[in-house]
Amino acid sequence: MRFNEVSISILYEYSDDVINTLAEKLGITFNEARVLYYKENFFEKRRRFSYATRCMCSMFSRLMYENFKSSDYAFNKVIVKCCNHNENHGKYIFCDGILEINVKYDYNDFFAKSDFEKKKDALVIIDKALLLAAEKFDCDYSSFEFVKNQIISENYCNEWVWQTKSNSSRQYKAKVICEHEVGIVNLYLLIIDKDSKLISKSLIVSTKPDEWDYHMYLGKIKWISKNQVALYGKNGQVVSDKTVSYTHLRAHETGRNL
């Protein structure tokens, strides 16, 4: 099967003594106390951690598809659960192509780090998980190592072109660029002339750092006229549009430099 995605989360670890104390204090059952403890102590931390590590997970998943989409793996999705206790490291659950595997990582210090350090840590977590997975499932680790090294060589910059479309005269080209950072995703609409000169770069939208928060904006690019382009969302509505100025248009038509 094809490798599609890696994601990072936090393993819910708790002490029975803590849960029993909470249950006795509030007069509720052990399971009710366990759920309450999760909501109060883990839910928000897990959500923030997943968002902050998504930048590298998204980049890793994309590069795996670009470089190894025809390769065959024992799993198509890996969910990495970061744990604080050594006894949980390396434990895994595998079902229907989805591998959930635990990796020892002290996530409590994660949020105080810089965005660049967070990216580096996220890649280390992914690498450790896939190395464990390769060992447990006796599969080739080299493709995972290749992508890891590619991310390092690109300085952990998760920026990519979603779609490109030229106008009818092929004088201009519109591009949608995704800049995925630790805390935000910015989508931009770029217009470039036939000499690869940037004419304009306009912000389409800023979203939370997860594909589910921006994928609905990525429908299709369409040139409405020779100098006006629009981005349509998946619902068919215009998300953003841009017009090449008359000055630029006339300069190209007459062959003059601006």
Protein backbone atom coordinates (compact mmCIF):
# COMPACT_ATOMS: atom_id res chain seq x y z
CA MET A 1 0.00 0.00 0.00
CA ARG A 2 1.07 3.61 -0.57
CA PHE A 3 2.30 5.70 2.35
CA ASN A 4 -0.15 8.62 2.68
CA GLU A 5 0.30 10.41 5.97
CA VAL A 6 2.10 10.81 9.26
CA SER A 7 0.70 12.72 12.23
CA ILE A 8 1.86 13.44 15.78
CA SER A 9 -0.18 13.50 18.96
CA ILE A 10 0.21 12.85 22.70
CA LEU A 11 -0.43 9.55 24.45
CA TYR A 12 -2.87 9.96 27.33
CA GLU A 13 -0.88 8.76 30.35
CA TYR A 14 -2.28 8.93 33.86
CA SER A 15 -1.83 7.50 37.32
CA ASP A 16 -4.60 5.32 38.74
CA ASP A 17 -3.96 6.89 42.15
CA VAL A 18 -4.57 10.38 40.76
CA ILE A 19 -7.78 9.29 39.04
CA ASN A 20 -9.04 7.45 42.15
CA THR A 21 -8.35 10.51 44.30
CA LEU A 22 -10.28 12.71 41.85
CA ALA A 23 -13.16 10.22 41.72
CA GLU A 24 -13.43 10.08 45.53
CA LYS A 25 -13.21 13.86 45.82
CA LEU A 26 -16.02 14.47 43.32
CA GLY A 27 -18.09 11.37 44.09
CA ILE A 28 -17.90 10.04 40.53
CA THR A 29 -16.80 6.76 38.94
CA PHE A 30 -13.23 5.98 37.92
CA ASN A 31 -14.08 6.25 34.21
CA GLU A 32 -15.87 9.55 34.71
CA ALA A 33 -12.85 10.89 36.61
CA ARG A 34 -10.50 9.61 33.89
CA VAL A 35 -12.47 11.45 31.20
CA LEU A 36 -12.62 14.61 33.32
CA TYR A 37 -8.87 14.49 34.00
CA TYR A 38 -8.24 14.16 30.26
CA LYS A 39 -10.43 17.15 29.44
CA GLU A 40 -8.82 19.34 32.09
CA ASN A 41 -5.18 18.31 31.65
CA PHE A 42 -4.62 16.79 28.21
CA PHE A 43 -7.20 17.88 25.64
CA GLU A 44 -5.94 21.42 25.02
CA LYS A 45 -2.29 20.39 25.26
CA ARG A 46 -2.82 17.61 22.72
CA ARG A 47 -4.66 19.96 20.35
CA ARG A 48 -1.91 22.59 20.48
CA PHE A 49 0.81 19.97 20.08
CA SER A 50 -0.86 18.41 17.04
CA TYR A 51 -1.27 21.81 15.38
CA ALA A 52 2.33 22.85 16.11
CA THR A 53 3.80 19.60 14.73
CA ARG A 54 1.53 19.51 11.67
CA CYS A 55 3.91 21.69 9.64
CA MET A 56 6.56 18.96 9.53
CA CYS A 57 4.02 16.13 9.32
CA SER A 58 2.42 17.77 6.29
CA MET A 59 5.78 18.37 4.63
CA PHE A 60 6.95 14.82 5.29
CA SER A 61 3.71 13.33 3.93
CA ARG A 62 3.83 15.51 0.81
CA LEU A 63 7.45 14.66 0.02
CA MET A 64 6.80 10.97 0.54
CA TYR A 65 4.03 11.20 -2.05
CA GLU A 66 6.13 13.21 -4.49
CA ASN A 67 9.13 10.89 -4.27
CA PHE A 68 7.72 7.46 -3.44
CA LYS A 69 4.06 7.37 -4.47
CA SER A 70 4.56 4.09 -6.33
CA SER A 71 6.39 2.37 -3.45
CA ASP A 72 4.73 -0.32 -1.37
CA TYR A 73 4.60 -0.19 2.44
CA ALA A 74 3.07 -2.30 5.20
CA PHE A 75 1.12 0.76 6.41
CA ASN A 76 -0.42 3.83 4.75
CA LYS A 77 -0.78 6.05 7.81
CA VAL A 78 1.36 6.44 10.92
CA ILE A 79 0.05 8.15 14.04
CA VAL A 80 2.90 8.93 16.43
CA LYS A 81 1.90 9.17 20.09
CA CYS A 82 4.50 10.96 22.22
CA CYS A 83 4.84 9.51 25.70
CA ASN A 84 6.70 10.45 28.88
CA HIS A 85 7.18 6.96 30.29
CA ASN A 86 9.86 4.58 29.03
CA GLU A 87 7.62 1.53 29.38
CA ASN A 88 5.28 2.91 26.70
CA HIS A 89 8.03 3.63 24.13
CA GLY A 90 7.81 1.39 21.07
CA LYS A 91 4.38 -0.03 21.85
CA TYR A 92 2.06 0.00 18.86
CA ILE A 93 -1.37 -0.84 17.50
CA PHE A 94 -1.84 -1.83 13.86
CA CYS A 95 -5.21 -2.12 12.12
CA ASP A 96 -6.34 -1.79 8.48
CA GLY A 97 -3.12 -0.14 7.34
CA ILE A 98 -3.05 2.41 10.18
CA LEU A 99 -0.11 2.17 12.57
CA GLU A 100 -0.25 3.94 15.93
CA ILE A 101 3.15 3.87 17.60
CA ASN A 102 4.53 5.41 20.81
CA VAL A 103 7.75 7.43 20.92
CA LYS A 104 9.42 8.73 24.07
CA TYR A 105 9.53 12.53 23.96
CA ASP A 106 9.20 15.14 26.71
CA TYR A 107 6.48 17.31 25.20
CA ASN A 108 6.14 19.48 28.32
CA ASP A 109 9.09 21.65 27.22
CA PHE A 110 7.95 21.80 23.60
CA PHE A 111 5.78 24.91 23.80
CA ALA A 112 8.58 27.11 25.20
CA LYS A 113 10.81 26.44 22.17
CA SER A 114 11.18 28.61 19.08
CA ASP A 115 9.26 27.68 15.94
CA PHE A 116 12.44 26.44 14.27
CA GLU A 117 13.25 24.21 17.26
CA LYS A 118 9.69 22.88 17.18
CA LYS A 119 10.15 21.93 13.52
CA LYS A 120 13.41 20.16 14.29
CA ASP A 121 11.88 18.27 17.21
CA ALA A 122 8.85 17.25 15.14
CA LEU A 123 11.11 15.79 12.46
CA VAL A 124 13.12 13.90 15.08
CA ILE A 125 9.87 12.44 16.46
CA ILE A 126 8.75 11.37 12.97
CA ASP A 127 12.15 9.85 12.23
CA LYS A 128 12.23 7.86 15.48
CA ALA A 129 8.73 6.53 14.86
CA LEU A 130 9.43 5.46 11.29
CA LEU A 131 12.72 3.85 12.28
CA LEU A 132 10.82 1.81 14.88
CA ALA A 133 8.12 0.99 12.33
CA ALA A 134 10.68 -0.13 9.76
CA GLU A 135 12.27 -2.45 12.32
CA LYS A 136 9.00 -3.92 13.56
CA PHE A 137 7.55 -4.47 10.08
CA ASP A 138 10.84 -5.37 8.41
CA CYS A 139 10.49 -2.67 5.73
CA ASP A 140 13.01 -0.42 4.00
CA TYR A 141 13.86 2.72 6.01
CA SER A 142 15.82 4.39 3.18
CA SER A 143 12.83 6.28 1.69
CA PHE A 144 11.99 7.77 5.09
CA GLU A 145 15.61 8.77 5.57
CA PHE A 146 15.68 10.34 2.11
CA VAL A 147 12.67 12.55 2.91
CA LYS A 148 14.10 13.46 6.32
CA ASN A 149 17.33 14.63 4.69
CA GLN A 150 15.40 16.54 2.03
CA ILE A 151 13.50 18.47 4.71
CA ILE A 152 16.77 19.32 6.46
CA SER A 153 18.34 20.44 3.17
CA GLU A 154 15.34 22.72 2.56
CA ASN A 155 15.83 24.19 6.04
CA TYR A 156 12.48 22.86 7.29
CA CYS A 157 10.61 25.29 4.98
CA ASN A 158 7.20 23.86 4.11
CA GLU A 159 6.31 26.02 1.13
CA TRP A 160 4.81 24.54 -2.03
CA VAL A 161 2.92 25.39 -5.22
CA TRP A 162 -0.59 24.02 -5.24
CA GLN A 163 -1.63 24.92 -8.79
CA THR A 164 -0.40 26.95 -11.79
CA LYS A 165 -2.44 28.32 -14.69
CA SER A 166 -1.40 30.46 -17.67
CA ASN A 167 -3.73 32.98 -19.34
CA SER A 168 -4.87 32.55 -22.96
CA SER A 169 -1.99 34.58 -24.43
CA ARG A 170 0.51 32.85 -22.10
CA GLN A 171 1.83 36.26 -21.09
CA TYR A 172 0.96 35.68 -17.45
CA LYS A 173 0.92 32.73 -15.11
CA ALA A 174 -1.08 32.52 -11.87
CA LYS A 175 0.13 30.39 -8.98
CA VAL A 176 -1.35 29.47 -5.61
CA ILE A 177 1.39 29.12 -3.00
CA CYS A 178 0.97 27.48 0.40
CA GLU A 179 3.30 28.68 3.18
CA HIS A 180 2.79 26.30 6.11
CA GLU A 181 4.40 27.48 9.35
CA VAL A 182 4.20 26.15 12.90
CA GLY A 183 1.39 28.45 13.97
CA ILE A 184 -0.31 29.45 10.72
CA VAL A 185 -0.92 28.60 7.07
CA ASN A 186 -0.92 31.43 4.52
CA LEU A 187 -2.25 30.92 1.00
CA TYR A 188 -1.11 33.40 -1.63
CA LEU A 189 -2.16 34.13 -5.20
CA LEU A 190 0.84 35.08 -7.35
CA ILE A 191 0.93 36.49 -10.88
CA ILE A 192 4.15 36.07 -12.83
CA ASP A 193 4.94 37.30 -16.34
CA LYS A 194 6.50 35.24 -19.13
CA ASP A 195 9.96 36.36 -18.02
CA SER A 196 9.29 34.91 -14.53
CA LYS A 197 9.03 38.39 -13.03
CA LEU A 198 6.67 38.64 -10.07
CA ILE A 199 3.83 41.03 -10.88
CA SER A 200 1.81 40.64 -7.69
CA LYS A 201 1.49 38.52 -4.57
CA SER A 202 -1.76 38.77 -2.62
CA LEU A 203 -2.85 36.95 0.52
CA ILE A 204 -5.84 34.69 -0.08
CA VAL A 205 -6.43 33.50 3.48
CA SER A 206 -4.68 32.70 6.75
CA THR A 207 -5.83 29.61 8.64
CA LYS A 208 -4.90 27.30 11.46
CA PRO A 209 -1.89 25.10 10.58
CA ASP A 210 -3.77 22.06 9.34
CA GLU A 211 -4.90 20.86 5.91
CA TRP A 212 -8.49 20.48 7.08
CA ASP A 213 -8.61 24.22 7.74
CA TYR A 214 -7.51 25.36 4.28
CA HIS A 215 -8.29 22.58 1.80
CA MET A 216 -11.76 24.01 1.03
CA TYR A 217 -10.14 27.08 -0.54
CA LEU A 218 -8.21 25.00 -3.08
CA GLY A 219 -10.65 24.45 -5.91
CA LYS A 220 -9.28 25.68 -9.23
CA ILE A 221 -7.60 28.68 -10.85
CA LYS A 222 -9.44 30.26 -13.79
CA TRP A 223 -8.51 33.22 -15.99
CA ILE A 224 -11.71 35.23 -16.44
CA SER A 225 -10.06 37.42 -19.06
CA LYS A 226 -6.54 37.94 -20.37
CA ASN A 227 -5.69 40.10 -17.37
CA GLN A 228 -8.04 38.90 -14.60
CA VAL A 229 -7.63 35.63 -12.71
CA ALA A 230 -9.73 34.08 -9.96
CA LEU A 231 -9.35 31.25 -7.47
CA TYR A 232 -12.48 29.21 -6.90
CA GLY A 233 -12.99 27.21 -3.74
CA LYS A 234 -14.26 23.63 -3.66
CA ASN A 235 -17.80 24.99 -3.29
CA GLY A 236 -17.50 26.80 -6.63
CA GLN A 237 -17.42 30.27 -5.08
CA VAL A 238 -14.70 32.83 -5.81
CA VAL A 239 -12.17 32.87 -2.98
CA SER A 240 -9.82 35.48 -4.44
CA ASP A 241 -9.30 37.34 -7.71
CA LYS A 242 -6.61 39.60 -9.12
CA THR A 243 -6.34 41.88 -12.12
CA VAL A 244 -3.11 42.66 -13.94
CA SER A 245 -2.78 46.44 -14.14
CA TYR A 246 -3.35 48.16 -17.49
CA THR A 247 0.22 49.48 -17.34
CA HIS A 248 1.69 45.97 -17.14
CA LEU A 249 -0.70 44.70 -19.80
CA ARG A 250 0.15 47.45 -22.30
CA ALA A 251 3.87 47.06 -21.62
CA HIS A 252 3.69 43.39 -22.60
CA GLU A 253 1.53 44.03 -25.61
CA THR A 254 3.91 46.69 -26.97
CA GLY A 255 7.08 44.90 -25.85
CA ARG A 256 8.17 47.81 -23.63
CA ASN A 257 9.99 47.44 -20.31
CA LEU A 258 8.31 48.92 -17.27
